Amino acid sequence: MLQEIKYILIKLKLIQPSERDIQTWISTKKVKRIEYVLEHGNYKTRKLAAEALGETGYTSSVPILFRAINDNVHNVSIAALNALEIIGCDDD
């Protein structure tokens, strides 16, 4: 219940998820939440989210990771590239 309330606050942009929140989402397979943070979080949480998507290995996250390559923050772009490499995405 607390995680649900926290996610609502994140979507309302009142708080940012912690690294612990993202790790919880990985273990509970809440990939859509991680993808949301990659698109709408601050630069720190976007980087964590890109790394987390690499850990999950879901190929459904590939399009959002490709968009994150063009992030204005270099560390987020690198994290997205690394995640794509982990997932095993070919850009051919």
C-alpha atoms as a PDB file:
ATOM      1  CA  MET A   1       0.000   0.000   0.000  1.00  0.00           C
ATOM      2  CA  LEU A   2       2.807   2.383   0.889  1.00  0.00           C
ATOM      3  CA  GLN A   3       4.512   1.679  -2.452  1.00  0.00           C
ATOM      4  CA  GLU A   4       1.276   2.510  -4.290  1.00  0.00           C
ATOM      5  CA  ILE A   5       0.947   5.837  -2.470  1.00  0.00           C
ATOM      6  CA  LYS A   6       4.593   6.607  -3.113  1.00  0.00           C
ATOM      7  CA  TYR A   7       4.163   5.914  -6.829  1.00  0.00           C
ATOM      8  CA  ILE A   8       1.195   8.291  -6.965  1.00  0.00           C
ATOM      9  CA  LEU A   9       3.348  10.994  -5.354  1.00  0.00           C
ATOM     10  CA  ILE A  10       6.065  10.280  -7.921  1.00  0.00           C
ATOM     11  CA  LYS A  11       3.589  10.625 -10.792  1.00  0.00           C
ATOM     12  CA  LEU A  12       2.393  13.914  -9.291  1.00  0.00           C
ATOM     13  CA  LYS A  13       6.075  14.995  -9.305  1.00  0.00           C
ATOM     14  CA  LEU A  14       6.005  15.661  -5.571  1.00  0.00           C
ATOM     15  CA  ILE A  15       8.850  13.229  -4.824  1.00  0.00           C
ATOM     16  CA  GLN A  16      11.512  11.271  -6.694  1.00  0.00           C
ATOM     17  CA  PRO A  17      11.953   7.524  -6.217  1.00  0.00           C
ATOM     18  CA  SER A  18      14.900   6.346  -4.182  1.00  0.00           C
ATOM     19  CA  GLU A  19      17.356   3.705  -5.299  1.00  0.00           C
ATOM     20  CA  ARG A  20      15.577   1.369  -2.879  1.00  0.00           C
ATOM     21  CA  ASP A  21      12.220   2.053  -4.586  1.00  0.00           C
ATOM     22  CA  ILE A  22      13.708   1.186  -7.960  1.00  0.00           C
ATOM     23  CA  GLN A  23      15.276  -1.992  -6.567  1.00  0.00           C
ATOM     24  CA  THR A  24      11.861  -2.954  -5.165  1.00  0.00           C
ATOM     25  CA  TRP A  25      10.327  -2.386  -8.596  1.00  0.00           C
ATOM     26  CA  ILE A  26      12.969  -4.637 -10.153  1.00  0.00           C
ATOM     27  CA  SER A  27      12.253  -7.447  -7.704  1.00  0.00           C
ATOM     28  CA  THR A  28       8.478  -7.103  -8.143  1.00  0.00           C
ATOM     29  CA  LYS A  29       8.765  -6.740 -11.936  1.00  0.00           C
ATOM     30  CA  LYS A  30       7.159  -3.279 -12.071  1.00  0.00           C
ATOM     31  CA  VAL A  31       8.925  -2.410 -15.332  1.00  0.00           C
ATOM     32  CA  LYS A  32       6.354   0.215 -16.372  1.00  0.00           C
ATOM     33  CA  ARG A  33       7.168   2.214 -13.242  1.00  0.00           C
ATOM     34  CA  ILE A  34      10.863   2.104 -14.034  1.00  0.00           C
ATOM     35  CA  GLU A  35      10.147   3.178 -17.616  1.00  0.00           C
ATOM     36  CA  TYR A  36       8.018   6.073 -16.331  1.00  0.00           C
ATOM     37  CA  VAL A  37      10.888   7.267 -14.132  1.00  0.00           C
ATOM     38  CA  LEU A  38      13.297   7.021 -17.070  1.00  0.00           C
ATOM     39  CA  GLU A  39      11.097   9.410 -19.018  1.00  0.00           C
ATOM     40  CA  HIS A  40       9.978  11.759 -16.242  1.00  0.00           C
ATOM     41  CA  GLY A  41      12.465  11.627 -13.358  1.00  0.00           C
ATOM     42  CA  ASN A  42      15.333  13.914 -12.541  1.00  0.00           C
ATOM     43  CA  TYR A  43      18.744  13.084 -13.975  1.00  0.00           C
ATOM     44  CA  LYS A  44      19.766  10.906 -11.011  1.00  0.00           C
ATOM     45  CA  THR A  45      16.649   8.764 -11.128  1.00  0.00           C
ATOM     46  CA  ARG A  46      16.759   8.579 -14.933  1.00  0.00           C
ATOM     47  CA  LYS A  47      20.254   7.100 -14.683  1.00  0.00           C
ATOM     48  CA  LEU A  48      19.144   4.625 -12.005  1.00  0.00           C
ATOM     49  CA  ALA A  49      16.105   3.689 -14.087  1.00  0.00           C
ATOM     50  CA  ALA A  50      18.189   3.026 -17.199  1.00  0.00           C
ATOM     51  CA  GLU A  51      20.525   0.808 -15.197  1.00  0.00           C
ATOM     52  CA  ALA A  52      17.532  -0.987 -13.665  1.00  0.00           C
ATOM     53  CA  LEU A  53      15.995  -1.673 -17.067  1.00  0.00           C
ATOM     54  CA  GLY A  54      19.264  -3.286 -18.081  1.00  0.00           C
ATOM     55  CA  GLU A  55      19.064  -5.491 -14.987  1.00  0.00           C
ATOM     56  CA  THR A  56      15.517  -6.594 -15.788  1.00  0.00           C
ATOM     57  CA  GLY A  57      16.474  -7.600 -19.314  1.00  0.00           C
ATOM     58  CA  TYR A  58      12.997  -6.980 -20.732  1.00  0.00           C
ATOM     59  CA  THR A  59      13.189  -6.392 -24.463  1.00  0.00           C
ATOM     60  CA  SER A  60       9.941  -4.410 -24.228  1.00  0.00           C
ATOM     61  CA  SER A  61      12.047  -1.606 -22.685  1.00  0.00           C
ATOM     62  CA  VAL A  62      14.297  -1.284 -25.734  1.00  0.00           C
ATOM     63  CA  PRO A  63      12.349   1.581 -27.410  1.00  0.00           C
ATOM     64  CA  ILE A  64      12.397   3.720 -24.279  1.00  0.00           C
ATOM     65  CA  LEU A  65      16.103   3.026 -23.787  1.00  0.00           C
ATOM     66  CA  PHE A  66      16.779   4.093 -27.385  1.00  0.00           C
ATOM     67  CA  ARG A  67      15.008   7.389 -26.652  1.00  0.00           C
ATOM     68  CA  ALA A  68      17.090   7.796 -23.497  1.00  0.00           C
ATOM     69  CA  ILE A  69      20.293   7.644 -25.558  1.00  0.00           C
ATOM     70  CA  ASN A  70      19.518  11.230 -26.596  1.00  0.00           C
ATOM     71  CA  ASP A  71      19.169  12.450 -23.002  1.00  0.00           C
ATOM     72  CA  ASN A  72      20.742  15.835 -22.285  1.00  0.00           C
ATOM     73  CA  VAL A  73      22.679  14.328 -19.377  1.00  0.00           C
ATOM     74  CA  HIS A  74      25.634  12.297 -20.600  1.00  0.00           C
ATOM     75  CA  ASN A  75      25.499   9.816 -17.682  1.00  0.00           C
ATOM     76  CA  VAL A  76      21.890   8.935 -18.508  1.00  0.00           C
ATOM     77  CA  SER A  77      22.795   8.350 -22.152  1.00  0.00           C
ATOM     78  CA  ILE A  78      25.689   6.088 -21.173  1.00  0.00           C
ATOM     79  CA  ALA A  79      23.476   4.161 -18.726  1.00  0.00           C
ATOM     80  CA  ALA A  80      20.895   3.644 -21.497  1.00  0.00           C
ATOM     81  CA  LEU A  81      23.578   2.390 -23.905  1.00  0.00           C
ATOM     82  CA  ASN A  82      24.920   0.022 -21.262  1.00  0.00           C
ATOM     83  CA  ALA A  83      21.414  -1.281 -20.566  1.00  0.00           C
ATOM     84  CA  LEU A  84      20.865  -1.943 -24.266  1.00  0.00           C
ATOM     85  CA  GLU A  85      24.156  -3.816 -24.385  1.00  0.00           C
ATOM     86  CA  ILE A  86      23.123  -5.925 -21.376  1.00  0.00           C
ATOM     87  CA  ILE A  87      19.760  -6.704 -22.939  1.00  0.00           C
ATOM     88  CA  GLY A  88      21.590  -7.704 -26.101  1.00  0.00           C
ATOM     89  CA  CYS A  89      20.022  -5.255 -28.493  1.00  0.00           C
ATOM     90  CA  ASP A  90      21.539  -4.992 -31.961  1.00  0.00           C
ATOM     91  CA  ASP A  91      21.223  -1.626 -33.644  1.00  0.00           C
ATOM     92  CA  ASP A  92      21.559  -3.122 -37.126  1.00  0.00           C
END
